C-alpha atoms as a PDB file:
ATOM      1  CA  MET A   1      -0.185  -8.238 -23.754  1.00  0.00           C
ATOM      2  CA  ASN A   2       2.340  -6.063 -21.911  1.00  0.00           C
ATOM      3  CA  VAL A   3       1.092  -6.248 -18.310  1.00  0.00           C
ATOM      4  CA  SER A   4       2.105  -8.629 -15.515  1.00  0.00           C
ATOM      5  CA  VAL A   5      -0.193  -9.643 -12.643  1.00  0.00           C
ATOM      6  CA  LEU A   6       0.445 -10.220  -8.941  1.00  0.00           C
ATOM      7  CA  ILE A   7      -2.239 -11.791  -6.728  1.00  0.00           C
ATOM      8  CA  LEU A   8      -1.883 -12.259  -2.964  1.00  0.00           C
ATOM      9  CA  THR A   9      -3.673 -15.352  -1.686  1.00  0.00           C
ATOM     10  CA  LEU A  10      -4.517 -17.320   1.428  1.00  0.00           C
ATOM     11  CA  ASN A  11      -7.068 -20.110   1.005  1.00  0.00           C
ATOM     12  CA  GLU A  12      -8.746 -18.597  -2.051  1.00  0.00           C
ATOM     13  CA  GLU A  13      -9.951 -21.728  -3.845  1.00  0.00           C
ATOM     14  CA  GLU A  14     -13.473 -20.264  -4.111  1.00  0.00           C
ATOM     15  CA  ASN A  15     -12.388 -16.980  -5.690  1.00  0.00           C
ATOM     16  CA  LEU A  16      -9.194 -17.691  -7.581  1.00  0.00           C
ATOM     17  CA  PRO A  17     -10.622 -19.620 -10.580  1.00  0.00           C
ATOM     18  CA  SER A  18     -12.860 -16.724 -11.657  1.00  0.00           C
ATOM     19  CA  CYS A  19     -10.129 -14.178 -11.020  1.00  0.00           C
ATOM     20  CA  LEU A  20      -7.659 -16.127 -13.165  1.00  0.00           C
ATOM     21  CA  ALA A  21     -10.219 -16.788 -15.905  1.00  0.00           C
ATOM     22  CA  ALA A  22     -10.630 -13.036 -16.351  1.00  0.00           C
ATOM     23  CA  LEU A  23      -6.841 -12.761 -16.713  1.00  0.00           C
ATOM     24  CA  ASP A  24      -6.411 -15.322 -19.488  1.00  0.00           C
ATOM     25  CA  TRP A  25      -4.984 -12.538 -21.672  1.00  0.00           C
ATOM     26  CA  CYS A  26      -1.913 -12.177 -19.429  1.00  0.00           C
ATOM     27  CA  ASP A  27       1.282 -14.158 -20.061  1.00  0.00           C
ATOM     28  CA  ASP A  28       2.883 -13.391 -16.684  1.00  0.00           C
ATOM     29  CA  ILE A  29       0.755 -14.109 -13.603  1.00  0.00           C
ATOM     30  CA  VAL A  30       2.376 -14.513 -10.193  1.00  0.00           C
ATOM     31  CA  VAL A  31       0.463 -15.794  -7.160  1.00  0.00           C
ATOM     32  CA  LEU A  32       2.119 -14.811  -3.886  1.00  0.00           C
ATOM     33  CA  ASP A  33       0.618 -17.345  -1.516  1.00  0.00           C
ATOM     34  CA  SER A  34       0.712 -17.347   2.292  1.00  0.00           C
ATOM     35  CA  PHE A  35       0.932 -21.162   2.517  1.00  0.00           C
ATOM     36  CA  SER A  36      -2.710 -21.928   1.791  1.00  0.00           C
ATOM     37  CA  THR A  37      -4.111 -25.198   3.117  1.00  0.00           C
ATOM     38  CA  ASP A  38      -6.770 -25.585   0.423  1.00  0.00           C
ATOM     39  CA  ARG A  39      -6.426 -25.989  -3.373  1.00  0.00           C
ATOM     40  CA  THR A  40      -5.248 -22.430  -4.039  1.00  0.00           C
ATOM     41  CA  VAL A  41      -1.730 -23.377  -5.161  1.00  0.00           C
ATOM     42  CA  GLU A  42      -3.011 -26.262  -7.302  1.00  0.00           C
ATOM     43  CA  ILE A  43      -5.516 -23.977  -9.038  1.00  0.00           C
ATOM     44  CA  ALA A  44      -2.892 -21.298  -9.665  1.00  0.00           C
ATOM     45  CA  ARG A  45      -0.390 -23.696 -11.193  1.00  0.00           C
ATOM     46  CA  ALA A  46      -3.042 -25.382 -13.317  1.00  0.00           C
ATOM     47  CA  ALA A  47      -3.845 -21.966 -14.803  1.00  0.00           C
ATOM     48  CA  GLY A  48      -0.186 -21.416 -15.692  1.00  0.00           C
ATOM     49  CA  ALA A  49       0.615 -18.964 -12.902  1.00  0.00           C
ATOM     50  CA  ARG A  50       3.951 -18.843 -11.130  1.00  0.00           C
ATOM     51  CA  VAL A  51       3.585 -19.517  -7.407  1.00  0.00           C
ATOM     52  CA  VAL A  52       5.790 -17.917  -4.767  1.00  0.00           C
ATOM     53  CA  GLN A  53       5.124 -18.620  -1.096  1.00  0.00           C
ATOM     54  CA  ARG A  54       5.909 -16.438   1.905  1.00  0.00           C
ATOM     55  CA  VAL A  55       4.633 -16.543   5.476  1.00  0.00           C
ATOM     56  CA  PHE A  56       2.239 -13.628   5.951  1.00  0.00           C
ATOM     57  CA  ASP A  57       3.258 -11.171   8.668  1.00  0.00           C
ATOM     58  CA  ASN A  58       1.387  -8.038   7.607  1.00  0.00           C
ATOM     59  CA  GLU A  59      -0.068  -6.521   4.449  1.00  0.00           C
ATOM     60  CA  PRO A  60       2.549  -3.869   3.602  1.00  0.00           C
ATOM     61  CA  ASN A  61       5.428  -6.322   4.079  1.00  0.00           C
ATOM     62  CA  GLN A  62       3.705  -8.920   1.929  1.00  0.00           C
ATOM     63  CA  ARG A  63       2.977  -6.453  -0.853  1.00  0.00           C
ATOM     64  CA  ASN A  64       6.452  -4.935  -0.702  1.00  0.00           C
ATOM     65  CA  PHE A  65       7.975  -8.403  -0.943  1.00  0.00           C
ATOM     66  CA  GLY A  66       5.939  -8.990  -4.079  1.00  0.00           C
ATOM     67  CA  MET A  67       7.009  -5.664  -5.552  1.00  0.00           C
ATOM     68  CA  LYS A  68      10.721  -5.889  -4.733  1.00  0.00           C
ATOM     69  CA  GLU A  69      11.629  -9.586  -4.564  1.00  0.00           C
ATOM     70  CA  ILE A  70       9.730 -11.023  -7.531  1.00  0.00           C
ATOM     71  CA  ALA A  71      10.963 -10.497 -11.084  1.00  0.00           C
ATOM     72  CA  PHE A  72       8.162  -9.662 -13.502  1.00  0.00           C
ATOM     73  CA  LYS A  73       8.194  -9.993 -17.257  1.00  0.00           C
ATOM     74  CA  HIS A  74       6.665  -6.572 -17.832  1.00  0.00           C
ATOM     75  CA  ALA A  75       7.275  -3.117 -16.357  1.00  0.00           C
ATOM     76  CA  TRP A  76       3.675  -2.544 -15.269  1.00  0.00           C
ATOM     77  CA  VAL A  77       1.934  -4.887 -12.790  1.00  0.00           C
ATOM     78  CA  TYR A  78      -1.795  -5.247 -12.110  1.00  0.00           C
ATOM     79  CA  ILE A  79      -2.380  -6.199  -8.449  1.00  0.00           C
ATOM     80  CA  PRO A  80      -5.945  -7.473  -7.923  1.00  0.00           C
ATOM     81  CA  ASP A  81      -7.238  -9.328  -4.892  1.00  0.00           C
ATOM     82  CA  ALA A  82      -8.440 -12.865  -5.526  1.00  0.00           C
ATOM     83  CA  ASP A  83     -12.110 -11.873  -5.198  1.00  0.00           C
ATOM     84  CA  GLU A  84     -11.852  -9.282  -7.984  1.00  0.00           C
ATOM     85  CA  ILE A  85     -12.644  -9.627 -11.675  1.00  0.00           C
ATOM     86  CA  CYS A  86     -10.765  -7.612 -14.287  1.00  0.00           C
ATOM     87  CA  THR A  87     -13.112  -6.231 -16.938  1.00  0.00           C
ATOM     88  CA  THR A  88     -12.173  -6.013 -20.606  1.00  0.00           C
ATOM     89  CA  GLU A  89     -12.360  -2.220 -20.411  1.00  0.00           C
ATOM     90  CA  LEU A  90      -9.878  -2.161 -17.546  1.00  0.00           C
ATOM     91  CA  ARG A  91      -7.597  -4.589 -19.377  1.00  0.00           C
ATOM     92  CA  ASP A  92      -7.558  -2.420 -22.499  1.00  0.00           C
ATOM     93  CA  GLU A  93      -6.919   0.753 -20.517  1.00  0.00           C
ATOM     94  CA  MET A  94      -4.002  -0.753 -18.592  1.00  0.00           C
ATOM     95  CA  CYS A  95      -2.424  -2.192 -21.736  1.00  0.00           C
ATOM     96  CA  ALA A  96      -2.676   1.190 -23.469  1.00  0.00           C
ATOM     97  CA  ILE A  97      -0.885   2.871 -20.557  1.00  0.00           C
ATOM     98  CA  ALA A  98       1.797   0.181 -20.477  1.00  0.00           C
ATOM     99  CA  SER A  99       2.412   0.725 -24.206  1.00  0.00           C
ATOM    100  CA  ASP A 100       3.365   4.363 -23.643  1.00  0.00           C
ATOM    101  CA  PRO A 101       6.950   4.621 -22.289  1.00  0.00           C
ATOM    102  CA  THR A 102       6.526   8.350 -21.617  1.00  0.00           C
ATOM    103  CA  ARG A 103       3.923   7.915 -18.863  1.00  0.00           C
ATOM    104  CA  PRO A 104       5.225   9.640 -15.693  1.00  0.00           C
ATOM    105  CA  GLU A 105       2.934   7.883 -13.212  1.00  0.00           C
ATOM    106  CA  ALA A 106       4.312   5.481 -10.587  1.00  0.00           C
ATOM    107  CA  PHE A 107       0.908   3.878  -9.966  1.00  0.00           C
ATOM    108  CA  PHE A 108      -2.773   4.159 -10.775  1.00  0.00           C
ATOM    109  CA  LEU A 109      -5.879   3.956  -8.612  1.00  0.00           C
ATOM    110  CA  ALA A 110      -8.992   2.151  -9.810  1.00  0.00           C
ATOM    111  CA  ARG A 111     -12.633   2.106  -8.722  1.00  0.00           C
ATOM    112  CA  TYR A 112     -14.622  -1.064  -8.173  1.00  0.00           C
ATOM    113  CA  ARG A 113     -18.232  -2.122  -8.399  1.00  0.00           C
ATOM    114  CA  ASN A 114     -19.148  -3.946  -5.202  1.00  0.00           C
ATOM    115  CA  MET A 115     -21.401  -6.895  -6.045  1.00  0.00           C
ATOM    116  CA  PHE A 116     -23.920  -8.244  -3.519  1.00  0.00           C
ATOM    117  CA  MET A 117     -26.985 -10.438  -4.002  1.00  0.00           C
ATOM    118  CA  GLY A 118     -26.413 -10.478  -7.738  1.00  0.00           C
ATOM    119  CA  ARG A 119     -26.258  -6.735  -8.270  1.00  0.00           C
ATOM    120  CA  TRP A 120     -23.979  -3.710  -8.010  1.00  0.00           C
ATOM    121  CA  ILE A 121     -24.800  -1.924  -4.761  1.00  0.00           C
ATOM    122  CA  ARG A 122     -23.533   1.411  -5.970  1.00  0.00           C
ATOM    123  CA  ARG A 123     -25.166   3.691  -3.434  1.00  0.00           C
ATOM    124  CA  SER A 124     -24.695   1.429  -0.411  1.00  0.00           C
ATOM    125  CA  SER A 125     -20.977   0.795  -0.845  1.00  0.00           C
ATOM    126  CA  LEU A 126     -19.347   4.253  -0.649  1.00  0.00           C
ATOM    127  CA  TYR A 127     -18.790   4.358  -4.393  1.00  0.00           C
ATOM    128  CA  PRO A 128     -16.376   5.475  -5.659  1.00  0.00           C
ATOM    129  CA  THR A 129     -13.663   3.972  -3.486  1.00  0.00           C
ATOM    130  CA  TRP A 130     -10.241   4.213  -5.128  1.00  0.00           C
ATOM    131  CA  MET A 131      -7.657   1.482  -4.613  1.00  0.00           C
ATOM    132  CA  PRO A 132      -4.082   1.114  -5.964  1.00  0.00           C
ATOM    133  CA  ARG A 133      -4.290  -1.564  -8.633  1.00  0.00           C
ATOM    134  CA  PHE A 134      -1.755  -0.762 -11.384  1.00  0.00           C
ATOM    135  CA  VAL A 135       1.850  -0.103 -10.409  1.00  0.00           C
ATOM    136  CA  ARG A 136       5.461   0.194 -11.456  1.00  0.00           C
ATOM    137  CA  PRO A 137       7.038  -2.129  -8.849  1.00  0.00           C
ATOM    138  CA  GLU A 138      10.407  -0.397  -8.731  1.00  0.00           C
ATOM    139  CA  ARG A 139       8.738   2.958  -8.078  1.00  0.00           C
ATOM    140  CA  THR A 140       6.144   2.005  -5.462  1.00  0.00           C
ATOM    141  CA  ARG A 141       5.985   0.781  -1.895  1.00  0.00           C
ATOM    142  CA  PHE A 142       3.258   0.085   0.627  1.00  0.00           C
ATOM    143  CA  GLU A 143       3.093   1.651   4.079  1.00  0.00           C
ATOM    144  CA  ARG A 144       0.992   1.594   7.239  1.00  0.00           C
ATOM    145  CA  LEU A 145      -0.063  -1.623   8.988  1.00  0.00           C
ATOM    146  CA  ILE A 146      -3.682  -0.495   9.198  1.00  0.00           C
ATOM    147  CA  HIS A 147      -5.280   1.170   6.165  1.00  0.00           C
ATOM    148  CA  CYS A 148      -2.326   0.112   4.031  1.00  0.00           C
ATOM    149  CA  ARG A 149      -1.511   2.790   1.463  1.00  0.00           C
ATOM    150  CA  CYS A 150       0.568   2.931  -1.696  1.00  0.00           C
ATOM    151  CA  VAL A 151       3.343   5.519  -2.026  1.00  0.00           C
ATOM    152  CA  GLY A 152       5.005   6.211  -5.351  1.00  0.00           C
ATOM    153  CA  ASP A 153       8.225   7.715  -6.614  1.00  0.00           C
ATOM    154  CA  GLY A 154       6.381  10.067  -8.940  1.00  0.00           C
ATOM    155  CA  PRO A 155       2.789  11.114  -9.614  1.00  0.00           C
ATOM    156  CA  SER A 156      -0.220   8.828  -9.390  1.00  0.00           C
ATOM    157  CA  GLY A 157      -3.168   8.579 -11.764  1.00  0.00           C
ATOM    158  CA  LYS A 158      -6.741   7.311 -11.850  1.00  0.00           C
ATOM    159  CA  LEU A 159      -8.101   4.730 -14.251  1.00  0.00           C
ATOM    160  CA  THR A 160     -11.486   5.403 -15.835  1.00  0.00           C
ATOM    161  CA  SER A 161     -12.490   1.729 -16.009  1.00  0.00           C
ATOM    162  CA  HIS A 162     -13.797  -0.429 -13.160  1.00  0.00           C
ATOM    163  CA  TYR A 163     -13.114  -3.861 -11.774  1.00  0.00           C
ATOM    164  CA  LEU A 164     -15.758  -6.041 -10.117  1.00  0.00           C
ATOM    165  CA  HIS A 165     -15.466  -6.863  -6.424  1.00  0.00           C
ATOM    166  CA  TYR A 166     -17.159 -10.050  -5.210  1.00  0.00           C
ATOM    167  CA  SER A 167     -16.447  -9.682  -1.510  1.00  0.00           C
ATOM    168  CA  PHE A 168     -19.222 -12.113  -0.539  1.00  0.00           C
ATOM    169  CA  ASN A 169     -18.135 -15.133  -2.594  1.00  0.00           C
ATOM    170  CA  LYS A 170     -17.062 -16.969   0.553  1.00  0.00           C
ATOM    171  CA  GLY A 171     -20.403 -16.326   2.231  1.00  0.00           C
ATOM    172  CA  LEU A 172     -21.645 -14.004   4.952  1.00  0.00           C
ATOM    173  CA  GLU A 173     -19.836 -15.928   7.682  1.00  0.00           C
ATOM    174  CA  ALA A 174     -16.500 -15.110   6.041  1.00  0.00           C
ATOM    175  CA  TRP A 175     -17.552 -11.450   5.674  1.00  0.00           C
ATOM    176  CA  TYR A 176     -18.343 -11.230   9.394  1.00  0.00           C
ATOM    177  CA  ASP A 177     -15.109 -13.032  10.309  1.00  0.00           C
ATOM    178  CA  LYS A 178     -13.123 -10.515   8.261  1.00  0.00           C
ATOM    179  CA  HIS A 179     -14.925  -7.518   9.703  1.00  0.00           C
ATOM    180  CA  ASN A 180     -14.535  -8.906  13.187  1.00  0.00           C
ATOM    181  CA  ARG A 181     -10.774  -8.624  12.604  1.00  0.00           C
ATOM    182  CA  TYR A 182     -11.158  -5.202  10.991  1.00  0.00           C
ATOM    183  CA  SER A 183     -13.224  -3.909  13.919  1.00  0.00           C
ATOM    184  CA  SER A 184     -10.441  -4.865  16.325  1.00  0.00           C
ATOM    185  CA  ASP A 185      -8.007  -2.806  14.239  1.00  0.00           C
ATOM    186  CA  GLU A 186     -10.443   0.106  14.093  1.00  0.00           C
ATOM    187  CA  ALA A 187     -10.906  -0.018  17.868  1.00  0.00           C
ATOM    188  CA  MET A 188      -7.144   0.156  18.323  1.00  0.00           C
ATOM    189  CA  ILE A 189      -6.964   3.196  16.031  1.00  0.00           C
ATOM    190  CA  ALA A 190      -9.845   4.921  17.828  1.00  0.00           C
ATOM    191  CA  THR A 191      -8.235   4.327  21.215  1.00  0.00           C
ATOM    192  CA  GLU A 192      -4.848   5.623  20.086  1.00  0.00           C
ATOM    193  CA  GLU A 193      -6.401   8.716  18.469  1.00  0.00           C
ATOM    194  CA  VAL A 194      -8.151   9.700  21.684  1.00  0.00           C
ATOM    195  CA  THR A 195      -5.162   8.842  23.866  1.00  0.00           C
ATOM    196  CA  SER A 196      -2.775  10.939  21.799  1.00  0.00           C
ATOM    197  CA  GLN A 197      -5.318  13.712  21.195  1.00  0.00           C
ATOM    198  CA  ALA A 198      -4.240  13.585  17.546  1.00  0.00           C
ATOM    199  CA  THR A 199      -6.425  15.217  14.961  1.00  0.00           C
ATOM    200  CA  SER A 200      -6.940  14.292  11.336  1.00  0.00           C
ATOM    201  CA  TRP A 201      -9.060  17.239  10.225  1.00  0.00           C
ATOM    202  CA  ARG A 202      -6.409  18.416   7.750  1.00  0.00           C
ATOM    203  CA  ASP A 203      -6.430  15.020   6.046  1.00  0.00           C
ATOM    204  CA  LEU A 204     -10.090  15.518   5.137  1.00  0.00           C
ATOM    205  CA  LEU A 205      -8.814  17.791   2.349  1.00  0.00           C
ATOM    206  CA  SER A 206      -5.940  15.518   1.337  1.00  0.00           C
ATOM    207  CA  PRO A 207      -5.674  14.653  -2.382  1.00  0.00           C
ATOM    208  CA  ASP A 208      -4.967  11.059  -1.321  1.00  0.00           C
ATOM    209  CA  PRO A 209      -8.278   9.125  -1.007  1.00  0.00           C
ATOM    210  CA  THR A 210      -6.691   6.730   1.490  1.00  0.00           C
ATOM    211  CA  ASP A 211      -5.771   9.632   3.783  1.00  0.00           C
ATOM    212  CA  ARG A 212      -9.279  11.058   3.477  1.00  0.00           C
ATOM    213  CA  ARG A 213     -10.849   7.705   4.337  1.00  0.00           C
ATOM    214  CA  TYR A 214      -8.517   7.336   7.330  1.00  0.00           C
ATOM    215  CA  ALA A 215      -9.400  10.835   8.550  1.00  0.00           C
ATOM    216  CA  ILE A 216     -13.131  10.175   8.266  1.00  0.00           C
ATOM    217  CA  LYS A 217     -12.775   6.982  10.288  1.00  0.00           C
ATOM    218  CA  ALA A 218     -10.696   8.722  12.961  1.00  0.00           C
ATOM    219  CA  ILE A 219     -13.163  11.599  13.317  1.00  0.00           C
ATOM    220  CA  ALA A 220     -16.188   9.280  13.235  1.00  0.00           C
ATOM    221  CA  ALA A 221     -14.733   7.448  16.240  1.00  0.00           C
ATOM    222  CA  ARG A 222     -15.592  10.500  18.356  1.00  0.00           C
ATOM    223  CA  LEU A 223     -19.246  10.708  17.290  1.00  0.00           C
ATOM    224  CA  PRO A 224     -22.140   9.295  19.355  1.00  0.00           C
ATOM    225  CA  PHE A 225     -24.666   6.720  18.108  1.00  0.00           C
ATOM    226  CA  ARG A 226     -22.289   5.531  15.390  1.00  0.00           C
ATOM    227  CA  PRO A 227     -24.212   2.406  14.286  1.00  0.00           C
ATOM    228  CA  THR A 228     -27.438   4.373  13.808  1.00  0.00           C
ATOM    229  CA  GLN A 229     -25.634   7.253  12.124  1.00  0.00           C
ATOM    230  CA  ARG A 230     -23.863   4.863   9.744  1.00  0.00           C
ATOM    231  CA  PHE A 231     -27.117   3.213   8.739  1.00  0.00           C
ATOM    232  CA  LEU A 232     -28.960   6.511   8.182  1.00  0.00           C
ATOM    233  CA  TYR A 233     -26.024   7.982   6.267  1.00  0.00           C
ATOM    234  CA  MET A 234     -25.650   4.996   3.952  1.00  0.00           C
ATOM    235  CA  TYR A 235     -29.318   4.091   3.536  1.00  0.00           C
ATOM    236  CA  VAL A 236     -30.879   7.551   3.397  1.00  0.00           C
ATOM    237  CA  LEU A 237     -28.288  10.214   2.580  1.00  0.00           C
ATOM    238  CA  ARG A 238     -26.186   8.055   0.250  1.00  0.00           C
ATOM    239  CA  GLY A 239     -29.312   6.541  -1.342  1.00  0.00           C
ATOM    240  CA  GLY A 240     -28.861   2.924  -0.296  1.00  0.00           C
ATOM    241  CA  ILE A 241     -32.644   2.658  -0.289  1.00  0.00           C
ATOM    242  CA  LEU A 242     -32.453   2.717  -4.103  1.00  0.00           C
ATOM    243  CA  ASP A 243     -30.366  -0.476  -4.053  1.00  0.00           C
ATOM    244  CA  GLY A 244     -33.404  -2.470  -2.971  1.00  0.00           C
ATOM    245  CA  TRP A 245     -33.265  -5.330  -0.491  1.00  0.00           C
ATOM    246  CA  ALA A 246     -29.562  -5.807  -1.160  1.00  0.00           C
ATOM    247  CA  GLY A 247     -28.922  -2.196  -0.174  1.00  0.00           C
ATOM    248  CA  PHE A 248     -31.012  -2.449   2.988  1.00  0.00           C
ATOM    249  CA  THR A 249     -29.235  -5.647   4.036  1.00  0.00           C
ATOM    250  CA  TYR A 250     -25.785  -4.268   3.336  1.00  0.00           C
ATOM    251  CA  CYS A 251     -26.461  -1.025   5.206  1.00  0.00           C
ATOM    252  CA  ARG A 252     -27.646  -3.025   8.222  1.00  0.00           C
ATOM    253  CA  MET A 253     -24.476  -5.094   8.039  1.00  0.00           C
ATOM    254  CA  LEU A 254     -22.357  -1.930   8.005  1.00  0.00           C
ATOM    255  CA  ALA A 255     -24.245  -0.694  11.062  1.00  0.00           C
ATOM    256  CA  SER A 256     -23.449  -3.955  12.862  1.00  0.00           C
ATOM    257  CA  TYR A 257     -19.801  -3.468  11.940  1.00  0.00           C
ATOM    258  CA  GLU A 258     -19.875  -0.001  13.511  1.00  0.00           C
ATOM    259  CA  LEU A 259     -21.391  -1.528  16.651  1.00  0.00           C
ATOM    260  CA  MET A 260     -18.493  -3.983  16.879  1.00  0.00           C
ATOM    261  CA  ILE A 261     -16.051  -1.065  16.679  1.00  0.00           C
ATOM    262  CA  VAL A 262     -17.913   0.877  19.380  1.00  0.00           C
ATOM    263  CA  VAL A 263     -18.057  -1.947  21.911  1.00  0.00           C
ATOM    264  CA  LYS A 264     -14.454  -3.021  21.279  1.00  0.00           C
ATOM    265  CA  THR A 265     -13.241   0.572  21.634  1.00  0.00           C
ATOM    266  CA  ALA A 266     -15.083   0.906  24.944  1.00  0.00           C
ATOM    267  CA  GLU A 267     -13.576  -2.376  26.097  1.00  0.00           C
ATOM    268  CA  ARG A 268     -10.042  -1.213  25.257  1.00  0.00           C
ATOM    269  CA  ARG A 269     -10.532   2.054  27.114  1.00  0.00           C
ATOM    270  CA  ARG A 270     -11.818   0.245  30.212  1.00  0.00           C
ATOM    271  CA  ARG A 271      -8.771  -2.024  30.123  1.00  0.00           C
ATOM    272  CA  GLN A 272      -6.476   1.007  29.861  1.00  0.00           C
ATOM    273  CA  LEU A 273      -8.095   2.403  33.000  1.00  0.00           C
ATOM    274  CA  GLY A 274      -7.746  -0.915  34.784  1.00  0.00           C
ATOM    275  CA  GLN A 275     -11.498  -1.431  34.920  1.00  0.00           C
ATOM    276  CA  SER A 276     -13.361  -4.681  34.479  1.00  0.00           C
ATOM    277  CA  THR A 277     -14.608  -5.434  30.974  1.00  0.00           C
END
C-alpha cells in the first residue's frame, strides 16, 4: 500500500489495538505519543509501529510536529485518532488517490459514523461532520488552539467513504471528563466573543465546515435556554428520536454538556466583573 499513518496518543491502551488492527494493510505507521503511562507504547511497538514521543503542549503544535518533523515513507498520510476504525472502503479510496500523482489536493476531509450503545447514532450526532484525515504533510498545517483546523497549500477535497468513531470505548466517565475540559474552552470562547463584540455571522456561509461549526457555536452562546434548545434540536428537529434509546441518551448528554458551558460562561463573566462566583 502507498499510504502512511500517523496516530496521536496519550494513554490509549483501550483503543489502540482495534485501531491498529484495522491498519494492518499499512507498512508505515507512526505513533506520536505524549508519554503515556499505560501500555500504549508497548502495544504500538508490538504491532510494528514506529513510536515518537513528544510532551503535549497543544493540539496544533502536536499535529504540526508530526507533519513537519517526522519522515514518512509515503507522500500521503492518514491521520486517525486512536478511537477510530478505518474501513476497507476508506482504505481503498485513499490508496487510489495516493496512486494518482496528478491530484492537486493538499488534504481531504472525511465523515465518520459515531457509534454508541452498539449502533450508529446518525441523527443524534450532527452527521455529517467533516474532519481532516488524509493529508500531504509538506502542504498542510494546523491552526487555532480551540477548534483546531487544517490549512492547506492548495485545494482540499472530501472523501466519499466513512470511518467509524468509537468515542465511548473508555466509558461514560471518560466522555464526561473530556467534555468537562471542552466546556471550559467553550466558555472561554463565549466570554471572549461577547467581550470583543465580534460576530461570526459571515462564517455561517463559509465553505470550510470547521469555520461553520465555530460560527454556530459562537452564535449559540448568545441564545437563551441553550440546554433545552440543544436537546429539542437534536432529538426532535434532527430526528434523534429515530435512534432509539441510544439517541435519547446521547441527546440528553449533549444537553448536559451545554449546561456545563452555560454555567461556566456565567462564572467567567462574574469573575471579570469582580463578583463572587
